[in-house]
């Protein structure tokens, strides 16, 4: 994968033999590989994605970010030792007011052309796939990052504007204290 162009080098792509049943996909690799790309679609009725209308009346979708539900979102095991890195590109029409938010190392890298906007996320830290979460909506972002022992802890509050206005006075102070307590108990990210 070439991150600068966000494309796969097709000359290096090899189709792999696989079998599947109701519970698993088994991929056979004759030679060592660094990356396996799997293309698939989720079922519209999966419990892995919650399709809702937010309190401002805008449609949105998000994951509950739990291992049992993430199995319906993408092929994965929820065993504690089954961990990996990942990357994700979400494409929306250029006319969309929505933004995409996702767990990962950094904020989305956004690219645009005449018809679409693409949001690219990745993680270089090996994590259990139960930590994967994604949300798409017409939401505002409040940066509540806080300095803790000379380390900037990135904290963002994301949600419908009417909800963020209501929480503006109370939540920022509480959230800073909660993040500081979590880091004190669990250590720095990844928690």
N, C-alpha and C. Protein backbone atom coordinates (compact mmCIF):
# COMPACT_ATOMS: atom_id res chain seq x y z
N UNK A 1 0.85 -1.18 0.00
CA UNK A 1 0.00 0.00 0.00
C UNK A 1 0.89 1.23 0.00
N UNK A 2 0.65 2.16 -0.89
CA UNK A 2 1.38 3.41 -0.97
C UNK A 2 0.56 4.50 -0.29
N UNK A 3 0.99 4.92 0.91
CA UNK A 3 0.22 5.90 1.68
C UNK A 3 0.15 7.25 1.00
N UNK A 4 1.18 7.62 0.23
CA UNK A 4 1.16 8.94 -0.40
C UNK A 4 0.08 9.05 -1.47
N UNK A 5 -0.21 7.95 -2.17
CA UNK A 5 -1.25 7.97 -3.21
C UNK A 5 -2.52 7.24 -2.78
N UNK A 6 -2.46 6.60 -1.61
CA UNK A 6 -3.58 5.81 -1.08
C UNK A 6 -4.06 4.77 -2.08
N UNK A 7 -3.09 4.06 -2.69
CA UNK A 7 -3.42 3.00 -3.65
C UNK A 7 -2.56 1.77 -3.38
N UNK A 8 -3.05 0.63 -3.83
CA UNK A 8 -2.32 -0.63 -3.73
C UNK A 8 -1.48 -0.80 -4.98
N UNK A 9 -0.25 -1.25 -4.82
CA UNK A 9 0.61 -1.58 -5.96
C UNK A 9 0.15 -2.93 -6.50
N UNK A 10 -0.64 -2.89 -7.57
CA UNK A 10 -1.26 -4.10 -8.11
C UNK A 10 -0.24 -5.15 -8.55
N UNK A 11 0.98 -4.74 -8.90
CA UNK A 11 1.99 -5.72 -9.32
C UNK A 11 2.44 -6.60 -8.16
N UNK A 12 2.20 -6.14 -6.92
CA UNK A 12 2.58 -6.92 -5.75
C UNK A 12 1.41 -7.69 -5.16
N UNK A 13 0.22 -7.52 -5.72
CA UNK A 13 -0.97 -8.17 -5.18
C UNK A 13 -1.06 -9.59 -5.70
N UNK A 14 -1.31 -10.50 -4.78
CA UNK A 14 -1.46 -11.92 -5.12
C UNK A 14 -2.78 -12.40 -4.54
N UNK A 15 -3.60 -13.03 -5.35
CA UNK A 15 -4.84 -13.59 -4.84
C UNK A 15 -4.51 -14.87 -4.07
N UNK A 16 -5.09 -15.01 -2.89
CA UNK A 16 -4.81 -16.15 -2.02
C UNK A 16 -5.99 -17.11 -2.03
N UNK A 17 -5.69 -18.39 -1.86
CA UNK A 17 -6.73 -19.40 -1.74
C UNK A 17 -7.38 -19.26 -0.37
N UNK A 18 -8.72 -19.42 -0.32
CA UNK A 18 -9.39 -19.35 0.97
C UNK A 18 -10.62 -20.26 0.96
N UNK A 19 -11.03 -20.63 2.14
CA UNK A 19 -12.29 -21.36 2.33
C UNK A 19 -13.06 -20.63 3.42
N UNK A 20 -14.38 -20.78 3.39
CA UNK A 20 -15.16 -20.13 4.43
C UNK A 20 -16.32 -21.02 4.83
N UNK A 21 -16.78 -20.83 6.06
CA UNK A 21 -17.99 -21.47 6.54
C UNK A 21 -18.79 -20.43 7.30
N UNK A 22 -19.79 -20.84 8.06
CA UNK A 22 -20.62 -19.87 8.78
C UNK A 22 -19.84 -19.08 9.83
N UNK A 23 -18.72 -19.61 10.30
CA UNK A 23 -18.03 -19.01 11.44
C UNK A 23 -16.64 -18.48 11.14
N UNK A 24 -16.06 -18.83 9.99
CA UNK A 24 -14.68 -18.42 9.79
C UNK A 24 -14.30 -18.36 8.31
N UNK A 25 -13.20 -17.66 8.06
CA UNK A 25 -12.54 -17.65 6.77
C UNK A 25 -11.12 -18.15 7.02
N UNK A 26 -10.70 -19.16 6.28
CA UNK A 26 -9.35 -19.69 6.40
C UNK A 26 -8.59 -19.31 5.14
N UNK A 27 -7.49 -18.59 5.31
CA UNK A 27 -6.68 -18.13 4.20
C UNK A 27 -5.39 -18.95 4.17
N UNK A 28 -5.07 -19.49 3.01
CA UNK A 28 -3.86 -20.28 2.87
C UNK A 28 -2.79 -19.45 2.18
N UNK A 29 -1.67 -19.26 2.87
CA UNK A 29 -0.55 -18.50 2.34
C UNK A 29 0.61 -19.47 2.10
N UNK A 30 0.98 -19.66 0.86
CA UNK A 30 2.11 -20.54 0.54
C UNK A 30 3.43 -19.85 0.83
N UNK A 31 3.45 -18.53 0.70
CA UNK A 31 4.66 -17.73 0.95
C UNK A 31 4.34 -16.71 2.05
N UNK A 32 5.36 -16.29 2.78
CA UNK A 32 5.12 -15.27 3.81
C UNK A 32 4.58 -13.97 3.18
N UNK A 33 3.64 -13.33 3.87
CA UNK A 33 3.07 -12.08 3.40
C UNK A 33 3.12 -11.05 4.52
N UNK A 34 3.20 -9.78 4.14
CA UNK A 34 3.21 -8.70 5.13
C UNK A 34 1.81 -8.17 5.38
N UNK A 35 0.97 -8.17 4.33
CA UNK A 35 -0.36 -7.58 4.43
C UNK A 35 -1.34 -8.49 3.72
N UNK A 36 -2.50 -8.67 4.33
CA UNK A 36 -3.60 -9.36 3.68
C UNK A 36 -4.75 -8.37 3.58
N UNK A 37 -5.22 -8.12 2.36
CA UNK A 37 -6.33 -7.21 2.14
C UNK A 37 -7.57 -8.05 1.88
N UNK A 38 -8.61 -7.80 2.65
CA UNK A 38 -9.87 -8.54 2.52
C UNK A 38 -10.96 -7.54 2.15
N UNK A 39 -11.65 -7.79 1.05
CA UNK A 39 -12.78 -6.95 0.66
C UNK A 39 -14.06 -7.72 0.94
N UNK A 40 -15.03 -7.07 1.53
CA UNK A 40 -16.26 -7.73 1.95
C UNK A 40 -17.34 -6.68 2.17
N UNK A 41 -18.55 -7.14 2.42
CA UNK A 41 -19.66 -6.26 2.78
C UNK A 41 -20.31 -6.81 4.03
N UNK A 42 -20.79 -5.91 4.87
CA UNK A 42 -21.53 -6.34 6.05
C UNK A 42 -23.01 -6.47 5.69
N UNK A 43 -23.72 -7.22 6.49
CA UNK A 43 -25.16 -7.34 6.28
C UNK A 43 -25.84 -6.07 6.80
N UNK A 44 -26.91 -5.62 6.14
CA UNK A 44 -27.59 -4.40 6.60
C UNK A 44 -28.13 -4.51 8.03
N UNK A 45 -28.43 -5.71 8.49
CA UNK A 45 -29.02 -5.88 9.82
C UNK A 45 -27.99 -6.25 10.89
N UNK A 46 -26.71 -6.07 10.61
CA UNK A 46 -25.69 -6.43 11.59
C UNK A 46 -25.83 -5.61 12.87
N UNK A 47 -25.52 -6.23 14.01
CA UNK A 47 -25.52 -5.51 15.28
C UNK A 47 -24.24 -4.69 15.44
N UNK A 48 -23.34 -4.81 14.45
CA UNK A 48 -22.05 -4.12 14.53
C UNK A 48 -22.14 -2.65 14.18
N UNK A 49 -23.16 -2.25 13.47
CA UNK A 49 -23.35 -0.85 13.11
C UNK A 49 -24.70 -0.38 13.61
N UNK A 50 -24.70 0.74 14.27
CA UNK A 50 -25.96 1.33 14.76
C UNK A 50 -26.31 2.51 13.85
N UNK A 51 -27.36 2.35 13.08
CA UNK A 51 -27.85 3.42 12.19
C UNK A 51 -28.90 4.19 12.96
N UNK A 52 -28.67 5.48 13.19
CA UNK A 52 -29.56 6.28 14.03
C UNK A 52 -29.78 7.66 13.42
N UNK A 53 -30.65 8.43 14.07
CA UNK A 53 -30.81 9.86 13.82
C UNK A 53 -30.39 10.54 15.11
N UNK A 54 -29.42 11.46 15.04
CA UNK A 54 -28.93 12.09 16.26
C UNK A 54 -29.93 13.12 16.79
N UNK A 55 -29.63 13.75 17.92
CA UNK A 55 -30.58 14.67 18.56
C UNK A 55 -30.76 15.96 17.78
N UNK A 56 -29.94 16.20 16.75
CA UNK A 56 -30.15 17.35 15.86
C UNK A 56 -30.93 16.95 14.61
N UNK A 57 -31.35 15.68 14.53
CA UNK A 57 -32.13 15.21 13.39
C UNK A 57 -31.31 14.74 12.20
N UNK A 58 -30.00 14.58 12.37
CA UNK A 58 -29.13 14.15 11.27
C UNK A 58 -28.90 12.63 11.34
N UNK A 59 -28.90 11.96 10.19
CA UNK A 59 -28.58 10.53 10.19
C UNK A 59 -27.11 10.32 10.56
N UNK A 60 -26.84 9.23 11.26
CA UNK A 60 -25.47 8.90 11.65
C UNK A 60 -25.34 7.39 11.80
N UNK A 61 -24.12 6.93 11.86
CA UNK A 61 -23.84 5.52 12.06
C UNK A 61 -22.59 5.40 12.93
N UNK A 62 -22.58 4.41 13.82
CA UNK A 62 -21.41 4.20 14.68
C UNK A 62 -21.35 2.74 15.11
N UNK A 63 -20.19 2.36 15.60
CA UNK A 63 -20.02 1.00 16.13
C UNK A 63 -20.11 1.06 17.65
N UNK A 64 -20.58 -0.02 18.26
CA UNK A 64 -20.56 -0.07 19.71
C UNK A 64 -19.17 -0.37 20.27
N UNK A 65 -18.20 -0.71 19.38
CA UNK A 65 -16.80 -0.95 19.77
C UNK A 65 -16.69 -2.04 20.82
N UNK A 66 -17.23 -3.17 20.52
CA UNK A 66 -17.10 -4.32 21.40
C UNK A 66 -16.74 -5.53 20.54
N UNK A 67 -15.91 -6.41 21.09
CA UNK A 67 -15.39 -7.52 20.29
C UNK A 67 -16.51 -8.39 19.73
N UNK A 68 -17.52 -8.67 20.50
CA UNK A 68 -18.59 -9.55 20.02
C UNK A 68 -19.30 -8.92 18.83
N UNK A 69 -19.44 -7.60 18.84
CA UNK A 69 -20.10 -6.93 17.73
C UNK A 69 -19.16 -6.67 16.56
N UNK A 70 -17.88 -6.44 16.82
CA UNK A 70 -16.94 -6.19 15.73
C UNK A 70 -16.78 -7.39 14.83
N UNK A 71 -17.07 -8.60 15.31
CA UNK A 71 -17.00 -9.78 14.44
C UNK A 71 -18.00 -9.68 13.29
N UNK A 72 -19.10 -8.98 13.48
CA UNK A 72 -20.07 -8.80 12.41
C UNK A 72 -19.71 -7.65 11.48
N UNK A 73 -18.78 -6.81 11.90
CA UNK A 73 -18.36 -5.66 11.10
C UNK A 73 -17.26 -6.04 10.11
N UNK A 74 -16.30 -6.83 10.56
CA UNK A 74 -15.21 -7.27 9.70
C UNK A 74 -14.69 -8.61 10.22
N UNK A 75 -14.04 -9.37 9.36
CA UNK A 75 -13.55 -10.69 9.77
C UNK A 75 -12.49 -10.55 10.87
N UNK A 76 -12.78 -11.07 12.05
CA UNK A 76 -11.79 -11.02 13.13
C UNK A 76 -12.14 -12.05 14.19
N UNK A 77 -11.18 -12.35 15.01
CA UNK A 77 -11.37 -13.18 16.19
C UNK A 77 -11.41 -12.27 17.40
N UNK A 78 -12.14 -12.66 18.42
CA UNK A 78 -12.18 -11.82 19.61
C UNK A 78 -11.38 -12.42 20.76
N UNK A 79 -10.43 -13.30 20.43
CA UNK A 79 -9.56 -13.86 21.45
C UNK A 79 -8.61 -12.78 21.96
N UNK A 80 -8.28 -12.78 23.24
CA UNK A 80 -7.40 -11.72 23.77
C UNK A 80 -6.06 -11.64 23.05
N UNK A 81 -5.53 -12.75 22.57
CA UNK A 81 -4.24 -12.74 21.90
C UNK A 81 -4.31 -12.44 20.42
N UNK A 82 -5.51 -12.33 19.85
CA UNK A 82 -5.66 -12.07 18.41
C UNK A 82 -5.62 -10.57 18.18
N UNK A 83 -4.43 -10.06 17.90
CA UNK A 83 -4.27 -8.61 17.74
C UNK A 83 -3.60 -8.32 16.40
N UNK A 84 -3.79 -7.10 15.92
CA UNK A 84 -3.18 -6.72 14.66
C UNK A 84 -3.16 -5.20 14.52
N UNK A 85 -2.49 -4.75 13.47
CA UNK A 85 -2.60 -3.36 13.04
C UNK A 85 -3.68 -3.32 11.97
N UNK A 86 -4.10 -2.15 11.58
CA UNK A 86 -5.13 -2.04 10.53
C UNK A 86 -5.08 -0.66 9.90
N UNK A 87 -5.69 -0.58 8.73
CA UNK A 87 -5.91 0.73 8.12
C UNK A 87 -7.28 0.72 7.46
N UNK A 88 -7.83 1.89 7.27
CA UNK A 88 -9.20 2.02 6.80
C UNK A 88 -9.33 3.29 5.98
N UNK A 89 -10.02 3.19 4.84
CA UNK A 89 -10.37 4.36 4.05
C UNK A 89 -11.88 4.37 3.88
N UNK A 90 -12.52 5.48 4.24
CA UNK A 90 -13.95 5.65 4.08
C UNK A 90 -14.16 6.78 3.07
N UNK A 91 -14.99 6.51 2.08
CA UNK A 91 -15.25 7.48 1.03
C UNK A 91 -16.69 7.97 1.14
N UNK A 92 -16.86 9.30 1.12
CA UNK A 92 -18.19 9.93 1.17
C UNK A 92 -18.34 10.86 -0.03
N UNK A 93 -19.57 11.09 -0.47
CA UNK A 93 -19.77 12.06 -1.55
C UNK A 93 -19.24 13.43 -1.11
N UNK A 94 -18.71 14.20 -2.04
CA UNK A 94 -18.14 15.51 -1.74
C UNK A 94 -19.20 16.45 -1.14
N UNK A 95 -20.47 16.22 -1.46
CA UNK A 95 -21.55 17.07 -0.96
C UNK A 95 -21.94 16.74 0.48
N UNK A 96 -21.43 15.66 1.05
CA UNK A 96 -21.80 15.25 2.40
C UNK A 96 -21.28 16.22 3.45
N UNK A 97 -22.12 16.53 4.43
CA UNK A 97 -21.71 17.35 5.58
C UNK A 97 -21.09 16.49 6.67
N UNK A 98 -21.11 15.17 6.48
CA UNK A 98 -20.62 14.26 7.50
C UNK A 98 -19.10 14.22 7.56
N UNK A 99 -18.63 13.85 8.73
CA UNK A 99 -17.21 13.58 8.94
C UNK A 99 -17.10 12.16 9.48
N UNK A 100 -15.91 11.59 9.38
CA UNK A 100 -15.67 10.23 9.84
C UNK A 100 -14.67 10.29 10.98
N UNK A 101 -14.95 9.57 12.05
CA UNK A 101 -14.08 9.51 13.22
C UNK A 101 -13.79 8.05 13.50
N UNK A 102 -12.56 7.75 13.87
CA UNK A 102 -12.17 6.36 14.03
C UNK A 102 -11.02 6.25 15.02
N UNK A 103 -10.95 5.12 15.71
CA UNK A 103 -9.78 4.86 16.53
C UNK A 103 -8.58 4.71 15.61
N UNK A 104 -7.43 5.05 16.09
CA UNK A 104 -6.21 4.96 15.29
C UNK A 104 -5.13 5.82 15.89
N UNK A 105 -3.98 5.84 15.22
CA UNK A 105 -2.84 6.58 15.73
C UNK A 105 -3.03 8.09 15.65
N UNK A 106 -3.68 8.55 14.62
CA UNK A 106 -3.81 9.99 14.37
C UNK A 106 -5.24 10.31 13.94
N UNK A 107 -5.52 11.61 13.76
CA UNK A 107 -6.78 12.02 13.16
C UNK A 107 -6.77 11.58 11.69
N UNK A 108 -7.91 11.59 11.07
CA UNK A 108 -8.00 11.17 9.67
C UNK A 108 -7.14 12.04 8.77
N UNK A 109 -6.57 11.40 7.78
CA UNK A 109 -5.95 12.14 6.68
C UNK A 109 -7.04 12.23 5.62
N UNK A 110 -7.44 13.44 5.27
CA UNK A 110 -8.57 13.65 4.37
C UNK A 110 -8.04 14.10 3.01
N UNK A 111 -8.54 13.45 1.96
CA UNK A 111 -8.23 13.88 0.60
C UNK A 111 -9.56 14.05 -0.14
N UNK A 112 -9.56 14.96 -1.12
CA UNK A 112 -10.79 15.25 -1.86
C UNK A 112 -10.50 15.29 -3.36
N UNK A 113 -11.51 14.88 -4.14
CA UNK A 113 -11.47 15.12 -5.58
C UNK A 113 -12.81 15.74 -5.96
N UNK A 114 -13.16 15.74 -7.23
CA UNK A 114 -14.39 16.41 -7.66
C UNK A 114 -15.66 15.75 -7.14
N UNK A 115 -15.60 14.46 -6.84
CA UNK A 115 -16.83 13.74 -6.48
C UNK A 115 -16.84 13.17 -5.07
N UNK A 116 -15.67 12.93 -4.47
CA UNK A 116 -15.63 12.27 -3.16
C UNK A 116 -14.60 12.91 -2.23
N UNK A 117 -14.83 12.67 -0.95
CA UNK A 117 -13.83 12.97 0.06
C UNK A 117 -13.50 11.64 0.74
N UNK A 118 -12.22 11.39 0.97
CA UNK A 118 -11.77 10.14 1.58
C UNK A 118 -11.13 10.43 2.92
N UNK A 119 -11.48 9.61 3.90
CA UNK A 119 -10.93 9.71 5.25
C UNK A 119 -10.08 8.45 5.48
N UNK A 120 -8.78 8.63 5.69
CA UNK A 120 -7.87 7.51 5.85
C UNK A 120 -7.38 7.45 7.29
N UNK A 121 -7.49 6.27 7.91
CA UNK A 121 -7.05 6.03 9.28
C UNK A 121 -6.13 4.82 9.30
N UNK A 122 -5.27 4.75 10.30
CA UNK A 122 -4.44 3.56 10.47
C UNK A 122 -4.01 3.47 11.93
N UNK A 123 -3.54 2.29 12.29
CA UNK A 123 -2.86 2.12 13.57
C UNK A 123 -1.61 1.32 13.34
N UNK A 124 -0.52 1.77 13.91
CA UNK A 124 0.74 1.03 13.85
C UNK A 124 0.95 0.25 15.13
N UNK A 125 0.10 0.48 16.11
CA UNK A 125 0.18 -0.23 17.38
C UNK A 125 -0.65 -1.51 17.27
N UNK A 126 -0.08 -2.63 17.66
CA UNK A 126 -0.79 -3.90 17.60
C UNK A 126 -1.80 -3.92 18.75
N UNK A 127 -3.09 -3.98 18.38
CA UNK A 127 -4.18 -3.90 19.36
C UNK A 127 -5.20 -5.00 19.11
N UNK A 128 -5.98 -5.36 20.14
CA UNK A 128 -7.12 -6.26 19.88
C UNK A 128 -8.16 -5.54 19.03
N UNK A 129 -8.81 -6.26 18.14
CA UNK A 129 -9.76 -5.63 17.24
C UNK A 129 -11.02 -5.15 17.95
N UNK A 130 -11.20 -5.54 19.21
CA UNK A 130 -12.32 -5.01 19.99
C UNK A 130 -12.14 -3.53 20.27
N UNK A 131 -10.93 -3.00 20.09
CA UNK A 131 -10.70 -1.57 20.32
C UNK A 131 -11.04 -0.72 19.11
N UNK A 132 -11.38 -1.36 17.98
CA UNK A 132 -11.73 -0.62 16.78
C UNK A 132 -13.12 0.02 16.94
N UNK A 133 -13.23 1.29 16.62
CA UNK A 133 -14.51 1.98 16.66
C UNK A 133 -14.55 3.01 15.53
N UNK A 134 -15.72 3.21 14.97
CA UNK A 134 -15.90 4.19 13.90
C UNK A 134 -17.25 4.88 14.08
N UNK A 135 -17.31 6.14 13.70
CA UNK A 135 -18.55 6.90 13.74
C UNK A 135 -18.57 7.87 12.56
N UNK A 136 -19.74 8.01 11.95
CA UNK A 136 -19.92 8.92 10.82
C UNK A 136 -21.14 9.78 11.12
N UNK A 137 -20.97 11.09 11.07
CA UNK A 137 -22.10 11.96 11.33
C UNK A 137 -21.78 13.42 11.05
N UNK A 138 -22.81 14.25 11.06
CA UNK A 138 -22.66 15.70 10.85
C UNK A 138 -22.46 16.35 12.22
N UNK A 139 -21.29 16.13 12.80
CA UNK A 139 -21.04 16.53 14.16
C UNK A 139 -19.95 17.58 14.27
N UNK A 140 -19.94 18.22 15.43
CA UNK A 140 -18.89 19.17 15.77
C UNK A 140 -17.80 18.45 16.55
N UNK A 141 -16.63 19.05 16.56
CA UNK A 141 -15.50 18.51 17.32
C UNK A 141 -15.00 19.57 18.27
N UNK A 142 -14.87 19.24 19.53
CA UNK A 142 -14.27 20.12 20.53
C UNK A 142 -12.95 19.48 20.97
N UNK A 143 -11.88 20.24 20.89
CA UNK A 143 -10.58 19.75 21.32
C UNK A 143 -10.45 20.02 22.82
N UNK A 144 -10.36 18.96 23.60
CA UNK A 144 -10.21 19.08 25.04
C UNK A 144 -8.87 18.50 25.49
N UNK A 145 -7.89 18.49 24.58
CA UNK A 145 -6.57 17.94 24.90
C UNK A 145 -6.04 18.60 26.14
N UNK A 146 -5.30 17.83 26.92
CA UNK A 146 -4.83 18.33 28.19
C UNK A 146 -3.37 17.96 28.40
N UNK A 147 -2.64 18.82 29.08
CA UNK A 147 -1.24 18.59 29.37
C UNK A 147 -1.14 17.84 30.69
N UNK A 148 -0.43 16.72 30.67
CA UNK A 148 -0.26 15.92 31.88
C UNK A 148 1.21 15.55 31.98
N UNK A 149 1.87 16.07 32.98
CA UNK A 149 3.30 15.79 33.18
C UNK A 149 4.11 16.04 31.91
N UNK A 150 3.90 17.18 31.31
CA UNK A 150 4.60 17.61 30.10
C UNK A 150 4.29 16.76 28.87
N UNK A 151 3.25 15.95 28.93
CA UNK A 151 2.80 15.15 27.79
C UNK A 151 1.41 15.62 27.41
N UNK A 152 1.22 15.96 26.12
CA UNK A 152 -0.09 16.38 25.65
C UNK A 152 -0.94 15.15 25.38
N UNK A 153 -2.05 15.03 26.09
CA UNK A 153 -2.98 13.92 25.89
C UNK A 153 -4.08 14.38 24.95
N UNK A 154 -4.18 13.76 23.77
CA UNK A 154 -5.21 14.18 22.82
C UNK A 154 -6.59 13.69 23.26
N UNK A 155 -7.49 14.63 23.45
CA UNK A 155 -8.87 14.30 23.82
C UNK A 155 -9.79 15.15 22.96
N UNK A 156 -10.72 14.49 22.30
CA UNK A 156 -11.70 15.21 21.49
C UNK A 156 -13.09 14.80 21.94
N UNK A 157 -13.97 15.74 21.99
CA UNK A 157 -15.38 15.50 22.26
C UNK A 157 -16.10 15.72 20.94
N UNK A 158 -16.82 14.69 20.48
CA UNK A 158 -17.46 14.71 19.17
C UNK A 158 -18.94 14.44 19.35
N UNK A 159 -19.78 15.26 18.72
CA UNK A 159 -21.20 15.01 18.83
C UNK A 159 -22.04 16.08 18.16
N UNK A 160 -23.35 15.92 18.22
CA UNK A 160 -24.27 16.91 17.64
C UNK A 160 -24.07 18.25 18.34
N UNK A 161 -24.17 19.35 17.59
CA UNK A 161 -23.89 20.67 18.15
C UNK A 161 -24.79 21.01 19.32
N UNK A 162 -26.07 20.62 19.27
CA UNK A 162 -26.96 20.96 20.39
C UNK A 162 -26.53 20.24 21.67
N UNK A 163 -26.05 19.03 21.55
CA UNK A 163 -25.59 18.28 22.72
C UNK A 163 -24.28 18.85 23.26
N UNK A 164 -23.39 19.25 22.37
CA UNK A 164 -22.13 19.84 22.82
C UNK A 164 -22.36 21.18 23.51
N UNK A 165 -23.32 21.97 23.03
CA UNK A 165 -23.63 23.24 23.70
C UNK A 165 -24.10 22.99 25.12
N UNK A 166 -24.92 21.97 25.31
CA UNK A 166 -25.43 21.66 26.65
C UNK A 166 -24.33 21.21 27.59
N UNK A 167 -23.33 20.50 27.05
CA UNK A 167 -22.28 19.95 27.89
C UNK A 167 -21.10 20.89 28.05
N UNK A 168 -21.13 22.04 27.41
CA UNK A 168 -19.98 22.93 27.32
C UNK A 168 -19.44 23.36 28.68
N UNK A 169 -20.28 23.57 29.66
CA UNK A 169 -19.81 24.06 30.95
C UNK A 169 -19.34 22.97 31.89
N UNK A 170 -19.98 21.82 31.86
CA UNK A 170 -19.70 20.77 32.83
C UNK A 170 -18.64 19.78 32.36
N UNK A 171 -18.79 19.27 31.17
CA UNK A 171 -17.99 18.15 30.70
C UNK A 171 -16.50 18.43 30.53
N UNK A 172 -16.07 19.58 30.01
CA UNK A 172 -14.63 19.77 29.82
C UNK A 172 -13.80 19.57 31.10
N UNK A 173 -14.24 20.13 32.19
CA UNK A 173 -13.49 19.98 33.45
C UNK A 173 -13.54 18.53 33.94
N UNK A 174 -14.69 17.90 33.86
CA UNK A 174 -14.82 16.50 34.28
C UNK A 174 -13.97 15.58 33.41
N UNK A 175 -14.00 15.79 32.10
CA UNK A 175 -13.29 14.92 31.17
C UNK A 175 -11.78 14.99 31.40
N UNK A 176 -11.27 16.19 31.64
CA UNK A 176 -9.83 16.33 31.91
C UNK A 176 -9.45 15.51 33.14
N UNK A 177 -10.22 15.62 34.19
CA UNK A 177 -9.93 14.86 35.41
C UNK A 177 -10.06 13.35 35.18
N UNK A 178 -11.05 12.93 34.40
CA UNK A 178 -11.24 11.50 34.11
C UNK A 178 -10.08 10.94 33.31
N UNK A 179 -9.62 11.68 32.31
CA UNK A 179 -8.48 11.23 31.50
C UNK A 179 -7.22 11.15 32.35
N UNK A 180 -7.01 12.15 33.18
CA UNK A 180 -5.83 12.14 34.05
C UNK A 180 -5.87 10.94 35.00
N UNK A 181 -7.03 10.63 35.54
CA UNK A 181 -7.16 9.48 36.44
C UNK A 181 -6.92 8.17 35.67
N UNK A 182 -7.46 8.05 34.48
CA UNK A 182 -7.25 6.84 33.68
C UNK A 182 -5.78 6.64 33.36
N UNK A 183 -5.09 7.70 32.96
CA UNK A 183 -3.65 7.59 32.65
C UNK A 183 -2.87 7.26 33.91
N UNK A 184 -3.26 7.83 35.03
CA UNK A 184 -2.58 7.55 36.29
C UNK A 184 -2.70 6.08 36.67
N UNK A 185 -3.88 5.50 36.45
CA UNK A 185 -4.13 4.09 36.82
C UNK A 185 -3.61 3.13 35.76
N UNK A 186 -3.91 3.42 34.47
CA UNK A 186 -3.64 2.46 33.40
C UNK A 186 -2.37 2.74 32.60
N UNK A 187 -1.84 3.93 32.71
CA UNK A 187 -0.68 4.29 31.92
C UNK A 187 -1.10 5.01 30.66
N UNK A 188 -0.12 5.45 29.85
CA UNK A 188 -0.46 6.18 28.63
C UNK A 188 -1.06 5.29 27.57
N UNK A 189 -1.61 5.93 26.52
CA UNK A 189 -2.19 5.21 25.39
C UNK A 189 -1.15 4.28 24.81
N UNK A 190 -1.47 3.07 24.39
CA UNK A 190 -2.82 2.52 24.40
C UNK A 190 -3.16 2.04 25.81
N UNK A 191 -4.33 2.45 26.28
CA UNK A 191 -4.78 2.09 27.63
C UNK A 191 -5.06 0.61 27.74
